[in-house]
PDB file of N, CA and C in Angstrom:
ATOM      1  N   MET A   1      80.938 117.145  92.158  1.00  0.00           N
ATOM      2  CA  MET A   1      82.096 117.183  92.714  1.00  0.00           C
ATOM      3  C   MET A   1      82.626 118.700  91.675  1.00  0.00           C
ATOM      4  N   ALA A   2      83.117 119.345  92.687  1.00  0.00           N
ATOM      5  CA  ALA A   2      83.591 120.940  91.943  1.00  0.00           C
ATOM      6  C   ALA A   2      84.839 120.494  91.553  1.00  0.00           C
ATOM      7  N   GLU A   3      85.285 121.042  90.238  1.00  0.00           N
ATOM      8  CA  GLU A   3      86.482 120.788  89.186  1.00  0.00           C
ATOM      9  C   GLU A   3      87.721 120.990  89.816  1.00  0.00           C
ATOM     10  N   ASP A   4      87.506 121.618  90.775  1.00  0.00           N
ATOM     11  CA  ASP A   4      89.351 121.846  91.398  1.00  0.00           C
ATOM     12  C   ASP A   4      89.757 120.279  91.967  1.00  0.00           C
ATOM     13  N   ASN A   5      88.195 119.666  92.332  1.00  0.00           N
ATOM     14  CA  ASN A   5      88.707 118.568  93.587  1.00  0.00           C
ATOM     15  C   ASN A   5      88.706 117.023  92.428  1.00  0.00           C
ATOM     16  N   LYS A   6      88.744 117.421  91.054  1.00  0.00           N
ATOM     17  CA  LYS A   6      88.836 116.127  90.351  1.00  0.00           C
ATOM     18  C   LYS A   6      89.895 115.565  90.249  1.00  0.00           C
ATOM     19  N   LEU A   7      89.790 113.898  90.346  1.00  0.00           N
ATOM     20  CA  LEU A   7      90.909 112.946  90.792  1.00  0.00           C
ATOM     21  C   LEU A   7      91.189 112.473  89.347  1.00  0.00           C
ATOM     22  N   PRO A   8      92.607 111.957  89.451  1.00  0.00           N
ATOM     23  CA  PRO A   8      93.134 111.574  88.428  1.00  0.00           C
ATOM     24  C   PRO A   8      92.598 110.410  87.901  1.00  0.00           C
ATOM     25  N   GLU A   9      92.485 109.958  86.797  1.00  0.00           N
ATOM     26  CA  GLU A   9      91.910 108.737  85.801  1.00  0.00           C
ATOM     27  C   GLU A   9      92.493 107.467  86.565  1.00  0.00           C
ATOM     28  N   ALA A  10      91.324 106.908  86.941  1.00  0.00           N
ATOM     29  CA  ALA A  10      91.477 105.293  87.113  1.00  0.00           C
ATOM     30  C   ALA A  10      92.300 104.628  86.479  1.00  0.00           C
ATOM     31  N   THR A  11      93.635 104.598  86.055  1.00  0.00           N
ATOM     32  CA  THR A  11      94.380 103.571  85.611  1.00  0.00           C
ATOM     33  C   THR A  11      95.114 102.617  86.016  1.00  0.00           C
ATOM     34  N   PHE A  12      95.769 101.842  85.484  1.00  0.00           N
ATOM     35  CA  PHE A  12      96.550 100.736  86.523  1.00  0.00           C
ATOM     36  C   PHE A  12      98.236 102.085  86.817  1.00  0.00           C
ATOM     37  N   SER A  13      98.191 102.563  86.043  1.00  0.00           N
ATOM     38  CA  SER A  13      99.646 103.175  86.787  1.00  0.00           C
ATOM     39  C   SER A  13      99.261 103.929  87.797  1.00  0.00           C
ATOM     40  N   ALA A  14      98.136 104.670  87.493  1.00  0.00           N
ATOM     41  CA  ALA A  14      97.446 105.883  88.649  1.00  0.00           C
ATOM     42  C   ALA A  14      97.526 104.816  90.522  1.00  0.00           C
ATOM     43  N   PHE A  15      97.066 103.452  90.196  1.00  0.00           N
ATOM     44  CA  PHE A  15      96.761 102.349  91.057  1.00  0.00           C
ATOM     45  C   PHE A  15      98.125 102.053  91.726  1.00  0.00           C
ATOM     46  N   ILE A  16      99.296 101.939  90.798  1.00  0.00           N
ATOM     47  CA  ILE A  16     100.507 101.765  91.261  1.00  0.00           C
ATOM     48  C   ILE A  16     101.019 102.929  92.071  1.00  0.00           C
ATOM     49  N   PHE A  17     101.013 103.834  91.588  1.00  0.00           N
ATOM     50  CA  PHE A  17     101.354 105.092  92.273  1.00  0.00           C
ATOM     51  C   PHE A  17     100.851 105.466  93.600  1.00  0.00           C
ATOM     52  N   SER A  18      99.531 105.033  93.554  1.00  0.00           N
ATOM     53  CA  SER A  18      98.681 105.051  94.910  1.00  0.00           C
ATOM     54  C   SER A  18      99.403 104.414  95.932  1.00  0.00           C
ATOM     55  N   LEU A  19      99.765 103.007  95.475  1.00  0.00           N
ATOM     56  CA  LEU A  19     100.386 102.039  96.466  1.00  0.00           C
ATOM     57  C   LEU A  19     101.785 102.474  96.711  1.00  0.00           C
ATOM     58  N   ASN A  20     102.494 103.010  95.918  1.00  0.00           N
ATOM     59  CA  ASN A  20     104.096 103.277  96.073  1.00  0.00           C
ATOM     60  C   ASN A  20     103.714 104.495  97.429  1.00  0.00           C
ATOM     61  N   SER A  21     102.985 105.661  97.087  1.00  0.00           N
ATOM     62  CA  SER A  21     102.781 106.363  98.006  1.00  0.00           C
ATOM     63  C   SER A  21     102.392 106.336  99.129  1.00  0.00           C
ATOM     64  N   SER A  22     101.487 105.215  99.309  1.00  0.00           N
ATOM     65  CA  SER A  22     101.102 104.525 100.602  1.00  0.00           C
ATOM     66  C   SER A  22     102.287 103.858 101.585  1.00  0.00           C
ATOM     67  N   ALA A  23     103.043 103.235 100.618  1.00  0.00           N
ATOM     68  CA  ALA A  23     104.275 102.315 100.870  1.00  0.00           C
ATOM     69  C   ALA A  23     105.303 103.460 101.622  1.00  0.00           C
ATOM     70  N   LEU A  24     105.715 104.295 100.891  1.00  0.00           N
ATOM     71  CA  LEU A  24     106.616 105.669 101.520  1.00  0.00           C
ATOM     72  C   LEU A  24     106.081 106.524 102.485  1.00  0.00           C
ATOM     73  N   VAL A  25     104.880 106.554 102.724  1.00  0.00           N
ATOM     74  CA  VAL A  25     104.136 106.965 103.681  1.00  0.00           C
ATOM     75  C   VAL A  25     104.566 105.970 105.195  1.00  0.00           C
ATOM     76  N   ASN A  26     104.214 105.025 104.757  1.00  0.00           N
ATOM     77  CA  ASN A  26     104.417 103.756 106.088  1.00  0.00           C
ATOM     78  C   ASN A  26     105.685 103.346 106.245  1.00  0.00           C
ATOM     79  N   LEU A  27     106.817 104.080 105.401  1.00  0.00           N
ATOM     80  CA  LEU A  27     108.396 103.554 105.557  1.00  0.00           C
ATOM     81  C   LEU A  27     108.633 105.121 106.088  1.00  0.00           C
ATOM     82  N   GLY A  28     108.090 106.071 106.181  1.00  0.00           N
ATOM     83  CA  GLY A  28     108.290 107.086 107.254  1.00  0.00           C
ATOM     84  C   GLY A  28     109.112 108.349 106.056  1.00  0.00           C
ATOM     85  N   ILE A  29     109.310 108.035 104.824  1.00  0.00           N
ATOM     86  CA  ILE A  29     109.683 108.759 104.130  1.00  0.00           C
ATOM     87  C   ILE A  29     109.129 109.868 103.342  1.00  0.00           C
ATOM     88  N   ILE A  30     108.040 110.217 103.116  1.00  0.00           N
ATOM     89  CA  ILE A  30     107.361 111.148 102.894  1.00  0.00           C
ATOM     90  C   ILE A  30     105.897 111.204 104.326  1.00  0.00           C
ATOM     91  N   GLU A  31     105.304 112.841 104.312  1.00  0.00           N
ATOM     92  CA  GLU A  31     104.565 112.927 105.308  1.00  0.00           C
ATOM     93  C   GLU A  31     103.413 111.899 105.428  1.00  0.00           C
ATOM     94  N   ASP A  32     102.654 111.527 105.926  1.00  0.00           N
ATOM     95  CA  ASP A  32     101.190 111.206 106.073  1.00  0.00           C
ATOM     96  C   ASP A  32     100.248 112.179 105.740  1.00  0.00           C
ATOM     97  N   PRO A  33      99.863 112.490 104.545  1.00  0.00           N
ATOM     98  CA  PRO A  33      98.612 113.706 104.504  1.00  0.00           C
ATOM     99  C   PRO A  33      97.719 114.045 105.599  1.00  0.00           C
ATOM    100  N   ALA A  34      97.547 113.005 105.904  1.00  0.00           N
ATOM    101  CA  ALA A  34      96.016 113.371 107.547  1.00  0.00           C
ATOM    102  C   ALA A  34      97.020 113.919 108.319  1.00  0.00           C
ATOM    103  N   THR A  35      98.336 113.505 108.696  1.00  0.00           N
ATOM    104  CA  THR A  35      98.705 114.131 109.960  1.00  0.00           C
ATOM    105  C   THR A  35      99.776 115.216 110.112  1.00  0.00           C
ATOM    106  N   ASN A  36     100.312 115.282 108.257  1.00  0.00           N
ATOM    107  CA  ASN A  36     101.245 116.334 107.878  1.00  0.00           C
ATOM    108  C   ASN A  36     102.897 115.222 108.822  1.00  0.00           C
ATOM    109  N   LYS A  37     103.085 114.352 109.652  1.00  0.00           N
ATOM    110  CA  LYS A  37     103.929 113.727 110.073  1.00  0.00           C
ATOM    111  C   LYS A  37     104.757 112.736 109.369  1.00  0.00           C
ATOM    112  N   LYS A  38     106.073 112.337 109.382  1.00  0.00           N
ATOM    113  CA  LYS A  38     106.268 111.327 109.021  1.00  0.00           C
ATOM    114  C   LYS A  38     106.293 109.851 110.418  1.00  0.00           C
ATOM    115  N   VAL A  39     106.173 109.100 110.099  1.00  0.00           N
ATOM    116  CA  VAL A  39     105.673 108.083 111.086  1.00  0.00           C
ATOM    117  C   VAL A  39     106.014 107.020 110.297  1.00  0.00           C
ATOM    118  N   LYS A  40     106.768 105.828 110.672  1.00  0.00           N
ATOM    119  CA  LYS A  40     107.199 104.551 110.237  1.00  0.00           C
ATOM    120  C   LYS A  40     106.168 103.382 110.601  1.00  0.00           C
ATOM    121  N   ASP A  41     105.875 102.680 109.703  1.00  0.00           N
ATOM    122  CA  ASP A  41     104.872 101.478 109.898  1.00  0.00           C
ATOM    123  C   ASP A  41     105.367 100.604 109.276  1.00  0.00           C
ATOM    124  N   LEU A  42     106.556  99.730 109.844  1.00  0.00           N
ATOM    125  CA  LEU A  42     107.160  98.757 108.933  1.00  0.00           C
ATOM    126  C   LEU A  42     106.294  97.622 108.333  1.00  0.00           C
ATOM    127  N   PRO A  43     105.642  97.165 109.193  1.00  0.00           N
ATOM    128  CA  PRO A  43     104.786  95.873 109.138  1.00  0.00           C
ATOM    129  C   PRO A  43     103.805  96.658 107.683  1.00  0.00           C
ATOM    130  N   LEU A  44     103.260  97.569 107.898  1.00  0.00           N
ATOM    131  CA  LEU A  44     102.555  97.895 106.889  1.00  0.00           C
ATOM    132  C   LEU A  44     102.853  98.382 105.558  1.00  0.00           C
ATOM    133  N   ALA A  45     104.128  98.815 105.456  1.00  0.00           N
ATOM    134  CA  ALA A  45     105.107  98.682 104.279  1.00  0.00           C
ATOM    135  C   ALA A  45     105.098  98.053 103.887  1.00  0.00           C
ATOM    136  N   LYS A  46     105.677  96.667 104.738  1.00  0.00           N
ATOM    137  CA  LYS A  46     105.699  95.409 103.781  1.00  0.00           C
ATOM    138  C   LYS A  46     105.094  94.654 103.156  1.00  0.00           C
ATOM    139  N   GLN A  47     103.523  94.828 103.980  1.00  0.00           N
ATOM    140  CA  GLN A  47     102.146  94.331 103.449  1.00  0.00           C
ATOM    141  C   GLN A  47     102.349  95.044 101.980  1.00  0.00           C
ATOM    142  N   THR A  48     102.232  96.351 101.816  1.00  0.00           N
ATOM    143  CA  THR A  48     102.135  97.169 100.711  1.00  0.00           C
ATOM    144  C   THR A  48     102.863  96.495  99.494  1.00  0.00           C
ATOM    145  N   ILE A  49     104.044  96.460  99.941  1.00  0.00           N
ATOM    146  CA  ILE A  49     104.993  95.500  98.960  1.00  0.00           C
ATOM    147  C   ILE A  49     105.105  93.865  98.631  1.00  0.00           C
ATOM    148  N   ASP A  50     104.475  93.839  99.666  1.00  0.00           N
ATOM    149  CA  ASP A  50     104.082  92.022  99.235  1.00  0.00           C
ATOM    150  C   ASP A  50     102.733  92.109  98.429  1.00  0.00           C
ATOM    151  N   ILE A  51     101.844  93.695  98.261  1.00  0.00           N
ATOM    152  CA  ILE A  51     100.857  93.357  97.392  1.00  0.00           C
ATOM    153  C   ILE A  51     101.373  93.608  95.834  1.00  0.00           C
ATOM    154  N   LEU A  52     102.383  94.889  95.640  1.00  0.00           N
ATOM    155  CA  LEU A  52     103.078  94.828  94.673  1.00  0.00           C
ATOM    156  C   LEU A  52     103.819  93.476  94.518  1.00  0.00           C
ATOM    157  N   VAL A  53     104.118  93.128  95.065  1.00  0.00           N
ATOM    158  CA  VAL A  53     104.831  91.560  94.467  1.00  0.00           C
ATOM    159  C   VAL A  53     103.846  90.937  93.918  1.00  0.00           C
ATOM    160  N   MET A  54     102.688  90.904  94.685  1.00  0.00           N
ATOM    161  CA  MET A  54     101.604  89.576  94.098  1.00  0.00           C
ATOM    162  C   MET A  54     100.742  90.150  92.664  1.00  0.00           C
ATOM    163  N   LEU A  55     100.908  91.693  92.405  1.00  0.00           N
ATOM    164  CA  LEU A  55     100.267  92.284  91.338  1.00  0.00           C
ATOM    165  C   LEU A  55     101.504  92.063  89.985  1.00  0.00           C
ATOM    166  N   VAL A  56     102.877  91.477  90.738  1.00  0.00           N
ATOM    167  CA  VAL A  56     103.798  91.736  89.458  1.00  0.00           C
ATOM    168  C   VAL A  56     103.470  90.326  88.687  1.00  0.00           C
ATOM    169  N   GLU A  57     103.087  89.128  89.476  1.00  0.00           N
ATOM    170  CA  GLU A  57     102.830  87.638  89.474  1.00  0.00           C
ATOM    171  C   GLU A  57     102.045  87.454  88.864  1.00  0.00           C
ATOM    172  N   LYS A  58     100.464  87.964  88.955  1.00  0.00           N
ATOM    173  CA  LYS A  58      99.540  87.900  89.023  1.00  0.00           C
ATOM    174  C   LYS A  58      98.713  88.524  87.286  1.00  0.00           C
ATOM    175  N   THR A  59      99.891  89.510  87.220  1.00  0.00           N
ATOM    176  CA  THR A  59      99.692  90.538  86.002  1.00  0.00           C
ATOM    177  C   THR A  59     100.514  90.122  84.933  1.00  0.00           C
ATOM    178  N   ARG A  60     101.223  89.082  85.077  1.00  0.00           N
ATOM    179  CA  ARG A  60     101.959  88.846  84.114  1.00  0.00           C
ATOM    180  C   ARG A  60     101.902  88.458  82.774  1.00  0.00           C
ATOM    181  N   GLY A  61     102.395  88.838  81.819  1.00  0.00           N
ATOM    182  CA  GLY A  61     101.792  88.887  80.501  1.00  0.00           C
ATOM    183  C   GLY A  61     100.156  89.555  80.144  1.00  0.00           C
ATOM    184  N   ASN A  62     100.024  90.444  80.873  1.00  0.00           N
ATOM    185  CA  ASN A  62      98.853  91.016  80.884  1.00  0.00           C
ATOM    186  C   ASN A  62      98.879  92.471  80.765  1.00  0.00           C
ATOM    187  N   LEU A  63     100.318  93.332  81.034  1.00  0.00           N
ATOM    188  CA  LEU A  63     100.812  94.573  80.919  1.00  0.00           C
ATOM    189  C   LEU A  63     101.440  95.132  79.986  1.00  0.00           C
ATOM    190  N   THR A  64     101.052  96.531  79.632  1.00  0.00           N
ATOM    191  CA  THR A  64     101.858  97.003  78.686  1.00  0.00           C
ATOM    192  C   THR A  64     103.628  97.006  79.145  1.00  0.00           C
ATOM    193  N   LYS A  65     104.286  96.895  77.865  1.00  0.00           N
ATOM    194  CA  LYS A  65     105.867  97.543  78.267  1.00  0.00           C
ATOM    195  C   LYS A  65     105.960  98.530  79.788  1.00  0.00           C
ATOM    196  N   GLU A  66     105.617  99.397  79.730  1.00  0.00           N
ATOM    197  CA  GLU A  66     105.838 100.626  80.293  1.00  0.00           C
ATOM    198  C   GLU A  66     104.948 100.147  81.422  1.00  0.00           C
ATOM    199  N   GLU A  67     103.834  99.552  82.007  1.00  0.00           N
ATOM    200  CA  GLU A  67     103.014  98.856  82.906  1.00  0.00           C
ATOM    201  C   GLU A  67     103.953  98.582  83.725  1.00  0.00           C
ATOM    202  N   GLU A  68     104.619  97.272  82.872  1.00  0.00           N
ATOM    203  CA  GLU A  68     105.524  96.188  83.607  1.00  0.00           C
ATOM    204  C   GLU A  68     106.620  96.954  83.845  1.00  0.00           C
ATOM    205  N   SER A  69     107.405  97.840  83.414  1.00  0.00           N
ATOM    206  CA  SER A  69     108.442  98.642  83.995  1.00  0.00           C
ATOM    207  C   SER A  69     108.390  99.541  85.328  1.00  0.00           C
ATOM    208  N   LEU A  70     107.043 100.311  84.893  1.00  0.00           N
ATOM    209  CA  LEU A  70     106.820 101.351  85.930  1.00  0.00           C
ATOM    210  C   LEU A  70     106.602 100.289  87.037  1.00  0.00           C
ATOM    211  N   LEU A  71     105.943  99.027  87.211  1.00  0.00           N
ATOM    212  CA  LEU A  71     105.507  98.201  88.518  1.00  0.00           C
ATOM    213  C   LEU A  71     106.759  97.691  89.030  1.00  0.00           C
ATOM    214  N   LYS A  72     107.569  97.205  87.891  1.00  0.00           N
ATOM    215  CA  LYS A  72     108.785  96.456  88.500  1.00  0.00           C
ATOM    216  C   LYS A  72     109.993  97.498  88.912  1.00  0.00           C
ATOM    217  N   GLY A  73     110.223  98.898  88.596  1.00  0.00           N
ATOM    218  CA  GLY A  73     110.797  99.652  89.290  1.00  0.00           C
ATOM    219  C   GLY A  73     110.452 100.311  90.404  1.00  0.00           C
ATOM    220  N   ILE A  74     109.463 100.590  90.703  1.00  0.00           N
ATOM    221  CA  ILE A  74     108.664 100.910  92.180  1.00  0.00           C
ATOM    222  C   ILE A  74     108.793 100.028  93.076  1.00  0.00           C
ATOM    223  N   LEU A  75     108.691  98.701  92.323  1.00  0.00           N
ATOM    224  CA  LEU A  75     108.726  97.656  93.797  1.00  0.00           C
ATOM    225  C   LEU A  75     110.070  97.558  93.937  1.00  0.00           C
ATOM    226  N   TYR A  76     111.287  97.410  92.923  1.00  0.00           N
ATOM    227  CA  TYR A  76     112.658  97.478  93.296  1.00  0.00           C
ATOM    228  C   TYR A  76     113.181  98.871  94.216  1.00  0.00           C
ATOM    229  N   ASN A  77     112.617 100.032  94.152  1.00  0.00           N
ATOM    230  CA  ASN A  77     112.705 100.820  94.725  1.00  0.00           C
ATOM    231  C   ASN A  77     112.414 100.724  96.312  1.00  0.00           C
ATOM    232  N   LEU A  78     111.210 100.323  95.972  1.00  0.00           N
ATOM    233  CA  LEU A  78     110.740  99.958  97.910  1.00  0.00           C
ATOM    234  C   LEU A  78     111.406  99.152  98.445  1.00  0.00           C
ATOM    235  N   LYS A  79     111.517  98.051  97.906  1.00  0.00           N
ATOM    236  CA  LYS A  79     112.131  96.738  98.595  1.00  0.00           C
ATOM    237  C   LYS A  79     113.714  97.390  98.884  1.00  0.00           C
ATOM    238  N   MET A  80     114.523  98.397  98.063  1.00  0.00           N
ATOM    239  CA  MET A  80     115.774  99.005  98.901  1.00  0.00           C
ATOM    240  C   MET A  80     115.723 100.049 100.182  1.00  0.00           C
ATOM    241  N   ILE A  81     114.531 100.477  99.670  1.00  0.00           N
ATOM    242  CA  ILE A  81     114.282 101.561 100.821  1.00  0.00           C
ATOM    243  C   ILE A  81     113.689 100.486 102.054  1.00  0.00           C
ATOM    244  N   TYR A  82     113.096  99.642 102.087  1.00  0.00           N
ATOM    245  CA  TYR A  82     112.858  98.588 103.225  1.00  0.00           C
ATOM    246  C   TYR A  82     113.589  97.965 103.730  1.00  0.00           C
ATOM    247  N   VAL A  83     114.524  97.573 103.350  1.00  0.00           N
ATOM    248  CA  VAL A  83     115.845  96.846 103.955  1.00  0.00           C
ATOM    249  C   VAL A  83     116.775  97.963 104.375  1.00  0.00           C
ATOM    250  N   LYS A  84     116.664  99.379 104.095  1.00  0.00           N
ATOM    251  CA  LYS A  84     117.683 100.136 104.767  1.00  0.00           C
ATOM    252  C   LYS A  84     117.091 100.624 105.920  1.00  0.00           C
ATOM    253  N   GLU A  85     115.689 100.620 105.787  1.00  0.00           N
ATOM    254  CA  GLU A  85     115.099 100.971 106.891  1.00  0.00           C
ATOM    255  C   GLU A  85     114.688 100.196 108.279  1.00  0.00           C
ATOM    256  N   GLN A  86     114.830  99.034 107.890  1.00  0.00           N
ATOM    257  CA  GLN A  86     114.631  97.791 109.188  1.00  0.00           C
ATOM    258  C   GLN A  86     115.913  97.800 109.926  1.00  0.00           C
TER     259      GLN A  86
END
């Protein structure tokens, strides 16, 4: 792999940011990097939000305070956007 194409370290936070980006694409907030277009897919956005809810439940007691705060903050923001976009 070329040095310019270095991927971010695989961390829990990077995973959560990836899910956040996916949800934002499906909410039509940011452009899909594959098409450079904004397209809403609310059922897919809801599925990603539901995955984040599951992660909150399944990781309870196993995250650092920073990871828990990040996860809950992103989940709150996505839920607020989802409600507005419905």
